[in-house]
Amino acid sequence: MRRAVAAEMMDDPEVDPRELAENFDDIERANRLFGGIDPVVAGVFERDATWLLDVGCGSADIPRALLREARARGRRLEIVALDASESVLDIARARTGNDPLMRFVRADARSLPFPDGAFDMATCNLALHHFEPPDAIEVLREMRRVARTPLVVDLERSGLAHFATLAFAQFMAKNRLTKHDAPLSVRRAYTRREVAELARLAGWTAPAVRRSPYFRLVLNDGE
């Protein structure tokens, strides 16, 4: 399957905020049911990260899950949740409340407003496929620059993944954006070989990619 080059409706700056919030309801449900949270939690707590940047945070469901897990384990974790969209950040703030361990920053993932090595870890979840290859390389380069350990979890493009996502959009989603964007997300996603090459071009020392359940890829730097 050739990678699609097309815009997702959720990325439209003029998108209706109510529809966008409902779209994130679907994304959060998919993350809970289909393996979007577990590989991030596992990756973060395998390391001694206490200061984490989440790039392209969306509604911040995964950062919230990380903070719940940190509290359950008695671990200290603080998170900066970053997104380029103020509308998205409004949704994330509303769903997070006044948690003192999370703060929100609006910025471009291709030019992160932080010094080198500012974070123990940088994560990017279901966001890399929104960037075309030259921009994706910049995102990965910036993640590597600002964090000791980068971790990316995203969809893997394949015919089977596309079929499964079509089924999810048809039978489990009511939101107009989800029905359009979910199958397109798979078609815009990268393969294992492609995402490893993007990481190499971004200067990652030893990019390693593995599959995770329900058509996810987990990318880290094996340095």
C-alpha atoms as a PDB file:
ATOM      1  CA  MET A   1       0.000   0.000   0.000  1.00  0.00           C
ATOM      2  CA  ARG A   2       1.446   3.328  -1.084  1.00  0.00           C
ATOM      3  CA  ARG A   3       1.508   6.017   1.586  1.00  0.00           C
ATOM      4  CA  ALA A   4      -1.307   8.549   1.189  1.00  0.00           C
ATOM      5  CA  VAL A   5      -0.686  12.271   1.061  1.00  0.00           C
ATOM      6  CA  ALA A   6      -3.912  13.891   2.222  1.00  0.00           C
ATOM      7  CA  ALA A   7      -5.156  16.095   5.036  1.00  0.00           C
ATOM      8  CA  GLU A   8      -7.030  14.727   8.023  1.00  0.00           C
ATOM      9  CA  MET A   9     -10.117  16.674   9.021  1.00  0.00           C
ATOM     10  CA  MET A  10      -8.935  17.036  12.622  1.00  0.00           C
ATOM     11  CA  ASP A  11      -5.961  19.070  11.382  1.00  0.00           C
ATOM     12  CA  ASP A  12      -8.187  21.746   9.826  1.00  0.00           C
ATOM     13  CA  PRO A  13      -7.679  24.970  11.832  1.00  0.00           C
ATOM     14  CA  GLU A  14     -11.376  25.749  11.321  1.00  0.00           C
ATOM     15  CA  VAL A  15     -12.643  22.422  12.670  1.00  0.00           C
ATOM     16  CA  ASP A  16     -15.654  22.637  14.987  1.00  0.00           C
ATOM     17  CA  PRO A  17     -14.334  22.326  18.579  1.00  0.00           C
ATOM     18  CA  ARG A  18     -17.284  20.140  19.594  1.00  0.00           C
ATOM     19  CA  GLU A  19     -16.663  17.733  16.727  1.00  0.00           C
ATOM     20  CA  LEU A  20     -12.961  17.722  17.553  1.00  0.00           C
ATOM     21  CA  ALA A  21     -13.698  16.824  21.177  1.00  0.00           C
ATOM     22  CA  GLU A  22     -15.946  13.959  20.045  1.00  0.00           C
ATOM     23  CA  ASN A  23     -13.180  12.807  17.707  1.00  0.00           C
ATOM     24  CA  PHE A  24     -10.814  12.655  20.664  1.00  0.00           C
ATOM     25  CA  ASP A  25     -13.405  10.592  22.553  1.00  0.00           C
ATOM     26  CA  ASP A  26     -13.058   8.002  19.776  1.00  0.00           C
ATOM     27  CA  ILE A  27      -9.264   8.205  19.775  1.00  0.00           C
ATOM     28  CA  GLU A  28      -9.134   7.730  23.537  1.00  0.00           C
ATOM     29  CA  ARG A  29     -11.439   4.715  23.295  1.00  0.00           C
ATOM     30  CA  ALA A  30      -9.277   3.217  20.544  1.00  0.00           C
ATOM     31  CA  ASN A  31      -6.155   3.775  22.645  1.00  0.00           C
ATOM     32  CA  ARG A  32      -7.742   1.986  25.607  1.00  0.00           C
ATOM     33  CA  LEU A  33      -9.054  -0.942  23.565  1.00  0.00           C
ATOM     34  CA  PHE A  34      -6.369  -1.399  20.952  1.00  0.00           C
ATOM     35  CA  GLY A  35      -3.006  -1.021  22.579  1.00  0.00           C
ATOM     36  CA  GLY A  36      -2.239   2.668  22.312  1.00  0.00           C
ATOM     37  CA  ILE A  37      -1.361   3.188  25.969  1.00  0.00           C
ATOM     38  CA  ASP A  38       0.455   0.032  27.083  1.00  0.00           C
ATOM     39  CA  PRO A  39       3.663   0.357  25.007  1.00  0.00           C
ATOM     40  CA  VAL A  40       4.122   3.949  26.144  1.00  0.00           C
ATOM     41  CA  VAL A  41       3.628   3.070  29.814  1.00  0.00           C
ATOM     42  CA  ALA A  42       6.024   0.141  29.467  1.00  0.00           C
ATOM     43  CA  GLY A  43       8.631   2.243  27.681  1.00  0.00           C
ATOM     44  CA  VAL A  44       8.507   5.100  30.159  1.00  0.00           C
ATOM     45  CA  PHE A  45       8.682   2.999  33.305  1.00  0.00           C
ATOM     46  CA  GLU A  46      11.461   0.763  32.023  1.00  0.00           C
ATOM     47  CA  ARG A  47      13.597   3.877  32.358  1.00  0.00           C
ATOM     48  CA  ASP A  48      14.159   6.267  35.235  1.00  0.00           C
ATOM     49  CA  ALA A  49      12.460   9.212  33.561  1.00  0.00           C
ATOM     50  CA  THR A  50      11.120  11.869  35.910  1.00  0.00           C
ATOM     51  CA  TRP A  51      10.808  14.742  33.423  1.00  0.00           C
ATOM     52  CA  LEU A  52       8.986  13.890  30.205  1.00  0.00           C
ATOM     53  CA  LEU A  53       7.924  15.755  27.072  1.00  0.00           C
ATOM     54  CA  ASP A  54       4.919  14.472  25.112  1.00  0.00           C
ATOM     55  CA  VAL A  55       5.006  15.792  21.538  1.00  0.00           C
ATOM     56  CA  GLY A  56       1.657  16.130  19.785  1.00  0.00           C
ATOM     57  CA  CYS A  57      -0.235  15.418  22.982  1.00  0.00           C
ATOM     58  CA  GLY A  58      -3.770  15.530  21.543  1.00  0.00           C
ATOM     59  CA  SER A  59      -6.303  15.277  24.341  1.00  0.00           C
ATOM     60  CA  ALA A  60      -3.507  14.160  26.716  1.00  0.00           C
ATOM     61  CA  ASP A  61      -5.052  10.771  27.474  1.00  0.00           C
ATOM     62  CA  ILE A  62      -1.647   9.077  27.381  1.00  0.00           C
ATOM     63  CA  PRO A  63       0.083  11.660  29.603  1.00  0.00           C
ATOM     64  CA  ARG A  64      -2.811  11.297  32.055  1.00  0.00           C
ATOM     65  CA  ALA A  65      -2.385   7.517  31.994  1.00  0.00           C
ATOM     66  CA  LEU A  66       1.337   7.933  32.677  1.00  0.00           C
ATOM     67  CA  LEU A  67       0.659  10.136  35.695  1.00  0.00           C
ATOM     68  CA  ARG A  68      -1.893   7.646  37.067  1.00  0.00           C
ATOM     69  CA  GLU A  69       0.640   4.856  36.672  1.00  0.00           C
ATOM     70  CA  ALA A  70       3.398   6.913  38.291  1.00  0.00           C
ATOM     71  CA  ARG A  71       1.219   7.600  41.301  1.00  0.00           C
ATOM     72  CA  ALA A  72       0.249   3.921  41.547  1.00  0.00           C
ATOM     73  CA  ARG A  73       3.932   2.960  41.531  1.00  0.00           C
ATOM     74  CA  GLY A  74       4.977   5.711  43.906  1.00  0.00           C
ATOM     75  CA  ARG A  75       7.169   7.217  41.188  1.00  0.00           C
ATOM     76  CA  ARG A  76       7.826  10.892  40.545  1.00  0.00           C
ATOM     77  CA  LEU A  77       6.960  12.000  37.022  1.00  0.00           C
ATOM     78  CA  GLU A  78       6.360  15.463  35.587  1.00  0.00           C
ATOM     79  CA  ILE A  79       5.121  15.997  32.041  1.00  0.00           C
ATOM     80  CA  VAL A  80       5.125  18.817  29.535  1.00  0.00           C
ATOM     81  CA  ALA A  81       2.340  18.150  27.015  1.00  0.00           C
ATOM     82  CA  LEU A  82       2.946  19.948  23.730  1.00  0.00           C
ATOM     83  CA  ASP A  83       0.717  20.530  20.728  1.00  0.00           C
ATOM     84  CA  ALA A  84       0.606  23.034  17.877  1.00  0.00           C
ATOM     85  CA  SER A  85      -3.157  23.593  18.138  1.00  0.00           C
ATOM     86  CA  GLU A  86      -4.683  25.818  20.791  1.00  0.00           C
ATOM     87  CA  SER A  87      -8.058  24.119  20.221  1.00  0.00           C
ATOM     88  CA  VAL A  88      -6.500  20.751  20.959  1.00  0.00           C
ATOM     89  CA  LEU A  89      -4.775  22.106  24.044  1.00  0.00           C
ATOM     90  CA  ASP A  90      -8.074  23.538  25.299  1.00  0.00           C
ATOM     91  CA  ILE A  91      -9.534  20.012  25.165  1.00  0.00           C
ATOM     92  CA  ALA A  92      -6.483  18.550  26.879  1.00  0.00           C
ATOM     93  CA  ARG A  93      -6.564  21.133  29.664  1.00  0.00           C
ATOM     94  CA  ALA A  94     -10.269  20.581  30.280  1.00  0.00           C
ATOM     95  CA  ARG A  95      -9.777  16.827  30.581  1.00  0.00           C
ATOM     96  CA  THR A  96      -6.689  17.082  32.772  1.00  0.00           C
ATOM     97  CA  GLY A  97      -7.839  19.671  35.276  1.00  0.00           C
ATOM     98  CA  ASN A  98      -5.325  21.392  37.508  1.00  0.00           C
ATOM     99  CA  ASP A  99      -2.840  18.569  37.852  1.00  0.00           C
ATOM    100  CA  PRO A 100       0.367  20.182  39.177  1.00  0.00           C
ATOM    101  CA  LEU A 101       2.502  17.534  37.504  1.00  0.00           C
ATOM    102  CA  MET A 102       1.439  18.409  33.965  1.00  0.00           C
ATOM    103  CA  ARG A 103       1.759  21.653  32.084  1.00  0.00           C
ATOM    104  CA  PHE A 104       0.831  22.494  28.518  1.00  0.00           C
ATOM    105  CA  VAL A 105       2.846  24.243  25.850  1.00  0.00           C
ATOM    106  CA  ARG A 106       1.763  25.340  22.390  1.00  0.00           C
ATOM    107  CA  ALA A 107       4.632  24.913  19.927  1.00  0.00           C
ATOM    108  CA  ASP A 108       5.677  23.400  16.622  1.00  0.00           C
ATOM    109  CA  ALA A 109       7.055  19.875  17.022  1.00  0.00           C
ATOM    110  CA  ARG A 110       9.570  20.633  14.276  1.00  0.00           C
ATOM    111  CA  SER A 111      11.167  23.381  16.360  1.00  0.00           C
ATOM    112  CA  LEU A 112      10.839  22.568  20.043  1.00  0.00           C
ATOM    113  CA  PRO A 113      11.338  25.560  22.367  1.00  0.00           C
ATOM    114  CA  PHE A 114      13.623  23.745  24.796  1.00  0.00           C
ATOM    115  CA  PRO A 115      17.395  23.501  25.225  1.00  0.00           C
ATOM    116  CA  ASP A 116      19.403  20.415  24.341  1.00  0.00           C
ATOM    117  CA  GLY A 117      18.911  17.559  26.798  1.00  0.00           C
ATOM    118  CA  ALA A 118      16.144  19.327  28.704  1.00  0.00           C
ATOM    119  CA  PHE A 119      14.133  16.125  29.306  1.00  0.00           C
ATOM    120  CA  ASP A 120      14.820  12.599  30.418  1.00  0.00           C
ATOM    121  CA  MET A 121      12.451  11.321  27.765  1.00  0.00           C
ATOM    122  CA  ALA A 122      10.374  12.548  24.829  1.00  0.00           C
ATOM    123  CA  THR A 123       7.361  10.616  23.548  1.00  0.00           C
ATOM    124  CA  CYS A 124       5.230  11.013  20.440  1.00  0.00           C
ATOM    125  CA  ASN A 125       2.032   9.011  20.193  1.00  0.00           C
ATOM    126  CA  LEU A 126      -0.156   8.727  17.085  1.00  0.00           C
ATOM    127  CA  ALA A 127       1.249  12.010  15.811  1.00  0.00           C
ATOM    128  CA  LEU A 128       4.214  11.218  13.563  1.00  0.00           C
ATOM    129  CA  HIS A 129       2.026  10.121  10.649  1.00  0.00           C
ATOM    130  CA  HIS A 130       0.557  13.629  10.504  1.00  0.00           C
ATOM    131  CA  PHE A 131       3.916  14.838   9.165  1.00  0.00           C
ATOM    132  CA  GLU A 132       5.269  14.310   5.675  1.00  0.00           C
ATOM    133  CA  PRO A 133       8.760  12.740   5.598  1.00  0.00           C
ATOM    134  CA  PRO A 134      10.884  15.929   5.640  1.00  0.00           C
ATOM    135  CA  ASP A 135       8.860  17.281   8.559  1.00  0.00           C
ATOM    136  CA  ALA A 136       8.791  13.916  10.327  1.00  0.00           C
ATOM    137  CA  ILE A 137      12.588  13.896  10.203  1.00  0.00           C
ATOM    138  CA  GLU A 138      12.635  17.308  11.863  1.00  0.00           C
ATOM    139  CA  VAL A 139      10.268  16.115  14.587  1.00  0.00           C
ATOM    140  CA  LEU A 140      12.454  13.087  15.290  1.00  0.00           C
ATOM    141  CA  ARG A 141      15.613  15.206  15.237  1.00  0.00           C
ATOM    142  CA  GLU A 142      14.115  17.641  17.725  1.00  0.00           C
ATOM    143  CA  MET A 143      12.933  14.843  20.022  1.00  0.00           C
ATOM    144  CA  ARG A 144      16.443  13.388  20.008  1.00  0.00           C
ATOM    145  CA  ARG A 145      17.952  16.792  20.678  1.00  0.00           C
ATOM    146  CA  VAL A 146      15.861  17.711  23.723  1.00  0.00           C
ATOM    147  CA  ALA A 147      15.674  14.305  25.418  1.00  0.00           C
ATOM    148  CA  ARG A 148      18.019  11.589  26.555  1.00  0.00           C
ATOM    149  CA  THR A 149      15.582   8.940  25.335  1.00  0.00           C
ATOM    150  CA  PRO A 150      13.028   9.335  22.508  1.00  0.00           C
ATOM    151  CA  LEU A 151      10.055   6.996  22.075  1.00  0.00           C
ATOM    152  CA  VAL A 152       7.516   6.994  19.243  1.00  0.00           C
ATOM    153  CA  VAL A 153       4.361   4.872  19.080  1.00  0.00           C
ATOM    154  CA  ASP A 154       2.300   5.101  15.923  1.00  0.00           C
ATOM    155  CA  LEU A 155       0.246   3.096  13.482  1.00  0.00           C
ATOM    156  CA  GLU A 156       1.826   0.761  10.935  1.00  0.00           C
ATOM    157  CA  ARG A 157       0.609   1.076   7.372  1.00  0.00           C
ATOM    158  CA  SER A 158      -0.698  -2.168   5.907  1.00  0.00           C
ATOM    159  CA  GLY A 159      -3.733  -3.510   4.106  1.00  0.00           C
ATOM    160  CA  LEU A 160      -4.875  -5.454   7.152  1.00  0.00           C
ATOM    161  CA  ALA A 161      -4.522  -2.405   9.412  1.00  0.00           C
ATOM    162  CA  HIS A 162      -6.520  -0.365   6.926  1.00  0.00           C
ATOM    163  CA  PHE A 163      -9.311  -2.951   6.852  1.00  0.00           C
ATOM    164  CA  ALA A 164      -9.443  -3.129  10.659  1.00  0.00           C
ATOM    165  CA  THR A 165      -9.547   0.639  10.971  1.00  0.00           C
ATOM    166  CA  LEU A 166     -12.313   0.881   8.406  1.00  0.00           C
ATOM    167  CA  ALA A 167     -14.301  -1.563  10.541  1.00  0.00           C
ATOM    168  CA  PHE A 168     -13.658   0.512  13.669  1.00  0.00           C
ATOM    169  CA  ALA A 169     -14.734   3.694  11.906  1.00  0.00           C
ATOM    170  CA  GLN A 170     -17.847   2.064  10.499  1.00  0.00           C
ATOM    171  CA  PHE A 171     -19.122   0.175  13.538  1.00  0.00           C
ATOM    172  CA  MET A 172     -17.637   1.851  16.628  1.00  0.00           C
ATOM    173  CA  ALA A 173     -17.398   5.525  15.718  1.00  0.00           C
ATOM    174  CA  LYS A 174     -20.218   8.022  15.274  1.00  0.00           C
ATOM    175  CA  ASN A 175     -18.084  11.107  14.825  1.00  0.00           C
ATOM    176  CA  ARG A 176     -17.734  12.428  11.270  1.00  0.00           C
ATOM    177  CA  LEU A 177     -14.052  13.234  11.725  1.00  0.00           C
ATOM    178  CA  THR A 178     -13.271   9.758  13.041  1.00  0.00           C
ATOM    179  CA  LYS A 179     -15.019   8.065  10.158  1.00  0.00           C
ATOM    180  CA  HIS A 180     -12.919  10.068   7.707  1.00  0.00           C
ATOM    181  CA  ASP A 181      -9.621  10.278   9.559  1.00  0.00           C
ATOM    182  CA  ALA A 182      -9.174   6.835  11.111  1.00  0.00           C
ATOM    183  CA  PRO A 183      -8.713   4.906   7.836  1.00  0.00           C
ATOM    184  CA  LEU A 184      -6.718   7.784   6.386  1.00  0.00           C
ATOM    185  CA  SER A 185      -4.394   7.716   9.403  1.00  0.00           C
ATOM    186  CA  VAL A 186      -3.365   4.166   8.529  1.00  0.00           C
ATOM    187  CA  ARG A 187      -2.811   5.117   4.902  1.00  0.00           C
ATOM    188  CA  ARG A 188      -0.655   8.059   6.025  1.00  0.00           C
ATOM    189  CA  ALA A 189       1.314   5.984   8.532  1.00  0.00           C
ATOM    190  CA  TYR A 190       4.818   4.662   7.949  1.00  0.00           C
ATOM    191  CA  THR A 191       6.083   1.101   7.666  1.00  0.00           C
ATOM    192  CA  ARG A 192       8.778  -0.308   9.949  1.00  0.00           C
ATOM    193  CA  ARG A 193      11.448   0.206   7.327  1.00  0.00           C
ATOM    194  CA  GLU A 194      10.309   3.744   6.562  1.00  0.00           C
ATOM    195  CA  VAL A 195      10.171   4.920  10.169  1.00  0.00           C
ATOM    196  CA  ALA A 196      13.595   3.440  10.926  1.00  0.00           C
ATOM    197  CA  GLU A 197      15.033   5.289   7.929  1.00  0.00           C
ATOM    198  CA  LEU A 198      13.401   8.537   9.042  1.00  0.00           C
ATOM    199  CA  ALA A 199      15.021   8.122  12.462  1.00  0.00           C
ATOM    200  CA  ARG A 200      18.434   7.446  10.905  1.00  0.00           C
ATOM    201  CA  LEU A 201      18.115  10.554   8.765  1.00  0.00           C
ATOM    202  CA  ALA A 202      17.196  12.473  11.941  1.00  0.00           C
ATOM    203  CA  GLY A 203      20.467  11.434  13.549  1.00  0.00           C
ATOM    204  CA  TRP A 204      19.279   8.684  15.853  1.00  0.00           C
ATOM    205  CA  THR A 205      22.235   6.469  16.661  1.00  0.00           C
ATOM    206  CA  ALA A 206      20.644   3.035  16.592  1.00  0.00           C
ATOM    207  CA  PRO A 207      16.921   3.254  15.792  1.00  0.00           C
ATOM    208  CA  ALA A 208      15.034   0.095  16.677  1.00  0.00           C
ATOM    209  CA  VAL A 209      11.474  -0.616  15.589  1.00  0.00           C
ATOM    210  CA  ARG A 210       9.187  -3.358  16.837  1.00  0.00           C
ATOM    211  CA  ARG A 211       5.570  -4.214  16.308  1.00  0.00           C
ATOM    212  CA  SER A 212       3.029  -3.877  19.094  1.00  0.00           C
ATOM    213  CA  PRO A 213      -0.511  -5.331  19.147  1.00  0.00           C
ATOM    214  CA  TYR A 214      -3.224  -3.907  16.962  1.00  0.00           C
ATOM    215  CA  PHE A 215      -1.052  -2.519  14.171  1.00  0.00           C
ATOM    216  CA  ARG A 216       1.224  -0.284  16.213  1.00  0.00           C
ATOM    217  CA  LEU A 217       4.911   0.419  15.752  1.00  0.00           C
ATOM    218  CA  VAL A 218       7.234   1.257  18.655  1.00  0.00           C
ATOM    219  CA  LEU A 219      10.370   3.209  17.719  1.00  0.00           C
ATOM    220  CA  ASN A 220      13.210   3.951  20.096  1.00  0.00           C
ATOM    221  CA  ASP A 221      16.895   4.717  19.901  1.00  0.00           C
ATOM    222  CA  GLY A 222      18.905   1.705  20.981  1.00  0.00           C
ATOM    223  CA  GLU A 223      21.953   3.735  21.870  1.00  0.00           C
END
